Every structure is written in C-alpha cells, then in structure tokens.
Amino acid sequence: MKIKSEQEMMERGEAMAEKCGEGLCVIELIGDVGVGKTTFVKGLAKGLGIKEPVSSPSFTISKSYACPDGRTLIHYDFYRLNEPGLMSDELKESLGNENNIIVIEWSDSVKNILPEKRIIVNIKNNDDDSREMEVLK
C-alpha cells in the first residue's frame, strides 16, 4: 500500500493497534533510516490509547509505554548493536509476557529469538517521497 504522508503513516500504525488484540503481539519493522518506522509506532501508541509522547529508542535501545488496558508497548531499536548482548536477554524476557506489545526495528541481530508468529511490516522509500508498505503475517 502506498503511504503519501506522515499522517497516513500514523494512521496505518493506529490501525495496527486493532491487530494487537489479547495476548502477546510482536511487530517487526523493516526499513531504511528515515522511512517512518517511529512515526508508525507513534500511530500504534495512539491506537493503543497511550497519551505520552513516543520517540525513537535509537540511543536507549528500548522504551516502554503503559497502555490504559494494563498492557505495555515496548519499542526496541537494535540499529546501533551488531551483537545484542544483554539486550537479547531483555527481549527474551519481554517476549515471555503475554501482556506485551513488542515492536522491533533493525532485528537482524535478534532474528533467532523472534517468534514465528509475528507481524512483519516492510516499509520502502519511493522516488516521489512516498512510502510503500507491505504487511506480512
């Protein structure tokens, strides 16, 4: 699907919240720097009812946000890590909690611990500054 604006990217993220019903929800975001992955997560957070500002965890590697329904949105960004080290253990622990909604960017270094059942969102830049988004299950 073609995404023509930041607002549309937010709306796609917000719509994704509906796919994260009961239980653990894992979303793998694939795309180059600047394609709108964090914007997507901001929309997801809005769809989950999170009111606090969402920002990229590029330097902190992970950020958590409390959802009004008692679940937790955890946003990981492994861009800066060739080897996830202790963050791999943290991710495993997060994956073990059914009340978590987990979003992972730059997942190559942790692919071996990701569950097979996850939503994969692939975002690519187009020449006209729009984005192409493909959602796989």
N, C-alpha and C. Protein backbone atom coordinates (compact mmCIF):
# COMPACT_ATOMS: atom_id res chain seq x y z
N MET A 1 0.84 -1.17 0.00
CA MET A 1 0.00 0.00 0.00
C MET A 1 0.88 1.23 0.00
N LYS A 2 0.47 2.24 -0.71
CA LYS A 2 1.25 3.47 -0.82
C LYS A 2 0.88 4.43 0.31
N ILE A 3 1.90 4.97 0.97
CA ILE A 3 1.73 5.93 2.06
C ILE A 3 2.28 7.26 1.54
N LYS A 4 1.43 8.28 1.49
CA LYS A 4 1.83 9.55 0.88
C LYS A 4 2.23 10.63 1.87
N SER A 5 1.98 10.41 3.17
CA SER A 5 2.27 11.46 4.14
C SER A 5 2.57 10.87 5.52
N GLU A 6 3.13 11.71 6.36
CA GLU A 6 3.39 11.31 7.74
C GLU A 6 2.07 10.97 8.44
N GLN A 7 1.03 11.74 8.15
CA GLN A 7 -0.29 11.48 8.74
C GLN A 7 -0.80 10.09 8.36
N GLU A 8 -0.63 9.71 7.09
CA GLU A 8 -1.05 8.38 6.65
C GLU A 8 -0.26 7.29 7.36
N MET A 9 1.04 7.53 7.58
CA MET A 9 1.86 6.55 8.30
C MET A 9 1.35 6.38 9.72
N MET A 10 1.00 7.50 10.36
CA MET A 10 0.42 7.44 11.71
C MET A 10 -0.89 6.65 11.70
N GLU A 11 -1.71 6.88 10.70
CA GLU A 11 -3.00 6.18 10.59
C GLU A 11 -2.80 4.68 10.41
N ARG A 12 -1.79 4.29 9.65
CA ARG A 12 -1.51 2.85 9.46
C ARG A 12 -1.08 2.23 10.78
N GLY A 13 -0.27 2.96 11.54
CA GLY A 13 0.13 2.47 12.86
C GLY A 13 -1.05 2.37 13.80
N GLU A 14 -1.89 3.38 13.76
CA GLU A 14 -3.08 3.38 14.62
C GLU A 14 -3.98 2.20 14.28
N ALA A 15 -4.14 1.91 13.00
CA ALA A 15 -4.97 0.77 12.57
C ALA A 15 -4.36 -0.56 13.01
N MET A 16 -3.03 -0.61 13.10
CA MET A 16 -2.36 -1.84 13.51
C MET A 16 -2.72 -2.21 14.95
N ALA A 17 -3.06 -1.23 15.76
CA ALA A 17 -3.43 -1.50 17.16
C ALA A 17 -4.58 -2.50 17.24
N GLU A 18 -5.47 -2.46 16.27
CA GLU A 18 -6.61 -3.40 16.25
C GLU A 18 -6.15 -4.83 16.07
N LYS A 19 -5.01 -5.04 15.41
CA LYS A 19 -4.50 -6.39 15.19
C LYS A 19 -3.79 -6.94 16.41
N CYS A 20 -3.55 -6.08 17.40
CA CYS A 20 -2.89 -6.50 18.64
C CYS A 20 -3.94 -6.69 19.72
N GLY A 21 -4.78 -7.66 19.50
CA GLY A 21 -5.83 -7.97 20.47
C GLY A 21 -5.25 -8.52 21.76
N GLU A 22 -5.84 -9.54 22.28
CA GLU A 22 -5.39 -10.17 23.52
C GLU A 22 -4.07 -10.89 23.31
N GLY A 23 -3.28 -10.98 24.36
CA GLY A 23 -2.04 -11.74 24.32
C GLY A 23 -0.88 -10.99 23.69
N LEU A 24 0.24 -11.67 23.65
CA LEU A 24 1.47 -11.11 23.11
C LEU A 24 1.30 -10.73 21.64
N CYS A 25 1.78 -9.55 21.30
CA CYS A 25 1.77 -9.08 19.91
C CYS A 25 3.18 -8.61 19.58
N VAL A 26 3.76 -9.17 18.53
CA VAL A 26 5.12 -8.81 18.12
C VAL A 26 5.07 -8.27 16.70
N ILE A 27 5.63 -7.08 16.52
CA ILE A 27 5.67 -6.43 15.22
C ILE A 27 7.13 -6.16 14.88
N GLU A 28 7.56 -6.67 13.74
CA GLU A 28 8.92 -6.43 13.25
C GLU A 28 8.82 -5.37 12.15
N LEU A 29 9.51 -4.24 12.36
CA LEU A 29 9.52 -3.16 11.37
C LEU A 29 10.81 -3.24 10.57
N ILE A 30 10.66 -3.30 9.25
CA ILE A 30 11.81 -3.38 8.36
C ILE A 30 11.80 -2.16 7.46
N GLY A 31 12.92 -1.47 7.38
CA GLY A 31 13.02 -0.30 6.51
C GLY A 31 14.26 0.51 6.83
N ASP A 32 14.71 1.25 5.83
CA ASP A 32 15.90 2.09 5.99
C ASP A 32 15.66 3.22 6.98
N VAL A 33 16.73 3.87 7.37
CA VAL A 33 16.66 5.05 8.23
C VAL A 33 15.78 6.10 7.53
N GLY A 34 14.85 6.66 8.29
CA GLY A 34 14.04 7.75 7.77
C GLY A 34 12.79 7.36 6.99
N VAL A 35 12.43 6.07 6.97
CA VAL A 35 11.24 5.68 6.20
C VAL A 35 9.93 5.90 6.97
N GLY A 36 10.03 6.14 8.27
CA GLY A 36 8.82 6.40 9.05
C GLY A 36 8.48 5.34 10.08
N LYS A 37 9.46 4.53 10.47
CA LYS A 37 9.18 3.48 11.44
C LYS A 37 8.71 4.04 12.78
N THR A 38 9.39 5.07 13.28
CA THR A 38 8.97 5.66 14.56
C THR A 38 7.63 6.35 14.42
N THR A 39 7.37 6.96 13.29
CA THR A 39 6.05 7.57 13.05
C THR A 39 4.96 6.50 13.10
N PHE A 40 5.25 5.34 12.52
CA PHE A 40 4.32 4.21 12.59
C PHE A 40 4.05 3.84 14.04
N VAL A 41 5.12 3.76 14.85
CA VAL A 41 4.97 3.39 16.27
C VAL A 41 4.18 4.46 17.02
N LYS A 42 4.36 5.72 16.68
CA LYS A 42 3.57 6.78 17.30
C LYS A 42 2.08 6.55 17.03
N GLY A 43 1.75 6.17 15.82
CA GLY A 43 0.36 5.88 15.49
C GLY A 43 -0.15 4.65 16.23
N LEU A 44 0.69 3.62 16.32
CA LEU A 44 0.32 2.42 17.07
C LEU A 44 0.02 2.78 18.51
N ALA A 45 0.90 3.58 19.12
CA ALA A 45 0.70 4.00 20.51
C ALA A 45 -0.62 4.75 20.66
N LYS A 46 -0.91 5.63 19.73
CA LYS A 46 -2.18 6.37 19.77
C LYS A 46 -3.36 5.41 19.71
N GLY A 47 -3.27 4.42 18.81
CA GLY A 47 -4.33 3.43 18.69
C GLY A 47 -4.50 2.58 19.94
N LEU A 48 -3.43 2.44 20.71
CA LEU A 48 -3.49 1.68 21.96
C LEU A 48 -3.92 2.54 23.14
N GLY A 49 -4.14 3.83 22.89
CA GLY A 49 -4.60 4.74 23.94
C GLY A 49 -3.49 5.37 24.75
N ILE A 50 -2.25 5.26 24.30
CA ILE A 50 -1.12 5.83 25.03
C ILE A 50 -1.08 7.34 24.78
N LYS A 51 -1.00 8.10 25.83
CA LYS A 51 -1.02 9.56 25.73
C LYS A 51 0.37 10.20 25.76
N GLU A 52 1.33 9.53 26.35
CA GLU A 52 2.66 10.14 26.47
C GLU A 52 3.37 10.17 25.11
N PRO A 53 4.26 11.12 24.92
CA PRO A 53 4.97 11.23 23.64
C PRO A 53 5.85 10.01 23.38
N VAL A 54 5.85 9.56 22.14
CA VAL A 54 6.66 8.42 21.73
C VAL A 54 7.84 8.94 20.92
N SER A 55 9.02 8.44 21.24
CA SER A 55 10.22 8.85 20.50
C SER A 55 11.04 7.61 20.15
N SER A 56 11.96 7.78 19.23
CA SER A 56 12.80 6.68 18.79
C SER A 56 13.73 6.22 19.91
N PRO A 57 13.87 4.91 20.08
CA PRO A 57 14.81 4.40 21.07
C PRO A 57 16.20 4.13 20.48
N SER A 58 16.57 4.87 19.46
CA SER A 58 17.86 4.64 18.79
C SER A 58 19.04 4.64 19.76
N PHE A 59 19.06 5.53 20.71
CA PHE A 59 20.19 5.62 21.63
C PHE A 59 19.97 4.84 22.92
N THR A 60 18.73 4.69 23.33
CA THR A 60 18.44 3.96 24.56
C THR A 60 18.18 2.47 24.30
N ILE A 61 17.99 2.11 23.06
CA ILE A 61 17.74 0.76 22.56
C ILE A 61 16.33 0.27 22.83
N SER A 62 15.74 0.63 23.96
CA SER A 62 14.34 0.26 24.19
C SER A 62 13.63 1.34 24.99
N LYS A 63 12.35 1.43 24.75
CA LYS A 63 11.48 2.33 25.51
C LYS A 63 10.16 1.61 25.76
N SER A 64 9.60 1.83 26.93
CA SER A 64 8.33 1.20 27.30
C SER A 64 7.27 2.25 27.57
N TYR A 65 6.04 1.90 27.22
CA TYR A 65 4.90 2.79 27.40
C TYR A 65 3.74 1.98 27.96
N ALA A 66 3.12 2.49 29.02
CA ALA A 66 1.97 1.82 29.63
C ALA A 66 0.71 2.11 28.84
N CYS A 67 -0.01 1.05 28.50
CA CYS A 67 -1.30 1.17 27.83
C CYS A 67 -2.40 1.27 28.89
N PRO A 68 -3.48 1.98 28.60
CA PRO A 68 -4.57 2.11 29.56
C PRO A 68 -5.20 0.76 29.95
N ASP A 69 -5.09 -0.25 29.10
CA ASP A 69 -5.71 -1.55 29.40
C ASP A 69 -4.80 -2.47 30.23
N GLY A 70 -3.65 -1.94 30.68
CA GLY A 70 -2.75 -2.72 31.53
C GLY A 70 -1.61 -3.38 30.77
N ARG A 71 -1.66 -3.37 29.45
CA ARG A 71 -0.56 -3.94 28.68
C ARG A 71 0.58 -2.93 28.57
N THR A 72 1.69 -3.36 28.02
CA THR A 72 2.85 -2.50 27.85
C THR A 72 3.32 -2.56 26.40
N LEU A 73 3.52 -1.39 25.81
CA LEU A 73 4.14 -1.29 24.48
C LEU A 73 5.64 -1.13 24.71
N ILE A 74 6.44 -2.03 24.14
CA ILE A 74 7.89 -1.96 24.25
C ILE A 74 8.45 -1.82 22.84
N HIS A 75 9.20 -0.75 22.64
CA HIS A 75 9.77 -0.42 21.32
C HIS A 75 11.28 -0.61 21.39
N TYR A 76 11.79 -1.57 20.60
CA TYR A 76 13.23 -1.85 20.54
C TYR A 76 13.80 -1.33 19.22
N ASP A 77 15.02 -0.84 19.28
CA ASP A 77 15.74 -0.42 18.09
C ASP A 77 17.18 -0.93 18.22
N PHE A 78 17.50 -1.97 17.45
CA PHE A 78 18.82 -2.60 17.54
C PHE A 78 19.80 -2.06 16.50
N TYR A 79 19.52 -0.91 15.93
CA TYR A 79 20.36 -0.34 14.87
C TYR A 79 21.82 -0.21 15.28
N ARG A 80 22.05 0.22 16.49
CA ARG A 80 23.41 0.51 16.95
C ARG A 80 24.15 -0.73 17.47
N LEU A 81 23.50 -1.89 17.45
CA LEU A 81 24.11 -3.09 18.03
C LEU A 81 24.37 -4.16 16.97
N ASN A 82 25.63 -4.52 16.79
CA ASN A 82 25.95 -5.66 15.94
C ASN A 82 25.67 -6.96 16.69
N GLU A 83 25.90 -6.90 17.99
CA GLU A 83 25.66 -8.03 18.88
C GLU A 83 24.78 -7.52 20.02
N PRO A 84 23.57 -8.08 20.17
CA PRO A 84 22.64 -7.52 21.15
C PRO A 84 23.01 -7.75 22.61
N GLY A 85 23.87 -8.71 22.91
CA GLY A 85 24.30 -8.93 24.29
C GLY A 85 23.16 -9.06 25.27
N LEU A 86 23.23 -8.27 26.35
CA LEU A 86 22.21 -8.31 27.39
C LEU A 86 20.83 -7.90 26.88
N MET A 87 20.80 -7.09 25.83
CA MET A 87 19.50 -6.67 25.29
C MET A 87 18.75 -7.87 24.73
N SER A 88 19.46 -8.88 24.29
CA SER A 88 18.84 -10.11 23.82
C SER A 88 18.09 -10.78 24.97
N ASP A 89 18.70 -10.78 26.15
CA ASP A 89 18.05 -11.35 27.33
C ASP A 89 16.81 -10.55 27.71
N GLU A 90 16.92 -9.22 27.63
CA GLU A 90 15.76 -8.38 27.94
C GLU A 90 14.62 -8.66 26.96
N LEU A 91 14.96 -8.78 25.68
CA LEU A 91 13.94 -9.07 24.67
C LEU A 91 13.29 -10.42 24.93
N LYS A 92 14.08 -11.44 25.27
CA LYS A 92 13.52 -12.76 25.57
C LYS A 92 12.53 -12.67 26.72
N GLU A 93 12.90 -11.91 27.75
CA GLU A 93 12.02 -11.74 28.91
C GLU A 93 10.72 -11.05 28.49
N SER A 94 10.85 -10.01 27.67
CA SER A 94 9.66 -9.29 27.18
C SER A 94 8.77 -10.20 26.35
N LEU A 95 9.37 -11.06 25.54
CA LEU A 95 8.61 -11.99 24.71
C LEU A 95 7.86 -13.02 25.54
N GLY A 96 8.29 -13.23 26.77
CA GLY A 96 7.63 -14.19 27.65
C GLY A 96 6.42 -13.64 28.38
N ASN A 97 6.11 -12.37 28.22
CA ASN A 97 4.99 -11.74 28.92
C ASN A 97 3.85 -11.51 27.95
N GLU A 98 2.75 -12.19 28.18
CA GLU A 98 1.57 -12.11 27.30
C GLU A 98 0.91 -10.73 27.27
N ASN A 99 1.28 -9.86 28.19
CA ASN A 99 0.69 -8.52 28.24
C ASN A 99 1.51 -7.49 27.47
N ASN A 100 2.50 -7.94 26.71
CA ASN A 100 3.35 -7.01 25.98
C ASN A 100 2.99 -6.91 24.50
N ILE A 101 3.14 -5.72 24.01
CA ILE A 101 3.08 -5.44 22.58
C ILE A 101 4.50 -4.98 22.25
N ILE A 102 5.20 -5.75 21.43
CA ILE A 102 6.62 -5.51 21.19
C ILE A 102 6.83 -5.12 19.74
N VAL A 103 7.52 -3.99 19.55
CA VAL A 103 7.89 -3.53 18.22
C VAL A 103 9.41 -3.56 18.14
N ILE A 104 9.93 -4.16 17.07
CA ILE A 104 11.38 -4.30 16.93
C ILE A 104 11.83 -3.73 15.59
N GLU A 105 12.78 -2.79 15.67
CA GLU A 105 13.43 -2.25 14.48
C GLU A 105 14.83 -2.82 14.40
N TRP A 106 15.33 -2.99 13.19
CA TRP A 106 16.68 -3.49 12.94
C TRP A 106 16.89 -4.81 13.67
N SER A 107 16.08 -5.78 13.35
CA SER A 107 16.01 -7.04 14.09
C SER A 107 17.01 -8.11 13.67
N ASP A 108 17.87 -7.84 12.70
CA ASP A 108 18.79 -8.87 12.20
C ASP A 108 19.56 -9.59 13.30
N SER A 109 20.02 -8.86 14.30
CA SER A 109 20.84 -9.47 15.35
C SER A 109 20.04 -10.30 16.36
N VAL A 110 18.71 -10.23 16.30
CA VAL A 110 17.88 -10.99 17.24
C VAL A 110 16.86 -11.90 16.53
N LYS A 111 16.99 -12.05 15.23
CA LYS A 111 16.04 -12.87 14.45
C LYS A 111 15.85 -14.25 15.04
N ASN A 112 16.93 -14.83 15.58
CA ASN A 112 16.87 -16.19 16.09
C ASN A 112 15.97 -16.34 17.32
N ILE A 113 15.64 -15.25 17.99
CA ILE A 113 14.76 -15.38 19.17
C ILE A 113 13.35 -14.82 18.93
N LEU A 114 13.12 -14.27 17.76
CA LEU A 114 11.78 -13.75 17.47
C LEU A 114 10.81 -14.90 17.24
N PRO A 115 9.58 -14.74 17.71
CA PRO A 115 8.61 -15.81 17.49
C PRO A 115 8.22 -15.88 16.01
N GLU A 116 7.90 -17.08 15.58
CA GLU A 116 7.46 -17.25 14.20
C GLU A 116 6.16 -16.48 13.96
N LYS A 117 5.32 -16.46 14.98
CA LYS A 117 4.04 -15.74 14.88
C LYS A 117 4.29 -14.27 15.23
N ARG A 118 4.47 -13.47 14.18
CA ARG A 118 4.68 -12.04 14.37
C ARG A 118 4.18 -11.33 13.12
N ILE A 119 3.95 -10.05 13.26
CA ILE A 119 3.55 -9.22 12.13
C ILE A 119 4.80 -8.55 11.60
N ILE A 120 5.04 -8.68 10.31
CA ILE A 120 6.20 -8.05 9.68
C ILE A 120 5.70 -6.91 8.81
N VAL A 121 6.22 -5.71 9.09
CA VAL A 121 5.85 -4.52 8.33
C VAL A 121 7.10 -4.05 7.60
N ASN A 122 7.06 -4.12 6.28
CA ASN A 122 8.19 -3.73 5.44
C ASN A 122 7.86 -2.38 4.80
N ILE A 123 8.70 -1.38 5.03
CA ILE A 123 8.46 -0.02 4.52
C ILE A 123 9.64 0.37 3.64
N LYS A 124 9.34 0.84 2.44
CA LYS A 124 10.38 1.26 1.50
C LYS A 124 10.09 2.66 0.99
N ASN A 125 11.18 3.40 0.72
CA ASN A 125 11.06 4.73 0.11
C ASN A 125 10.75 4.60 -1.37
N ASN A 126 9.90 5.47 -1.87
CA ASN A 126 9.65 5.59 -3.31
C ASN A 126 10.36 6.85 -3.81
N ASP A 127 10.58 6.92 -5.10
CA ASP A 127 11.25 8.07 -5.70
C ASP A 127 10.48 9.38 -5.51
N ASP A 128 9.17 9.30 -5.33
CA ASP A 128 8.34 10.50 -5.20
C ASP A 128 8.13 10.93 -3.74
N ASP A 129 9.00 10.46 -2.83
CA ASP A 129 8.94 10.75 -1.39
C ASP A 129 7.78 10.08 -0.67
N SER A 130 7.04 9.25 -1.37
CA SER A 130 6.02 8.44 -0.69
C SER A 130 6.70 7.17 -0.18
N ARG A 131 5.96 6.35 0.53
CA ARG A 131 6.48 5.08 1.05
C ARG A 131 5.59 3.95 0.53
N GLU A 132 6.18 2.79 0.41
CA GLU A 132 5.44 1.59 0.08
C GLU A 132 5.47 0.70 1.32
N MET A 133 4.30 0.30 1.79
CA MET A 133 4.22 -0.53 2.99
C MET A 133 3.60 -1.87 2.64
N GLU A 134 4.25 -2.92 3.12
CA GLU A 134 3.73 -4.27 2.95
C GLU A 134 3.64 -4.90 4.33
N VAL A 135 2.49 -5.46 4.65
CA VAL A 135 2.29 -6.11 5.95
C VAL A 135 2.17 -7.61 5.72
N LEU A 136 3.05 -8.36 6.37
CA LEU A 136 3.07 -9.81 6.25
C LEU A 136 2.77 -10.42 7.61
N LYS A 137 2.18 -11.57 7.61
CA LYS A 137 1.95 -12.29 8.87
C LYS A 137 2.74 -13.54 8.88
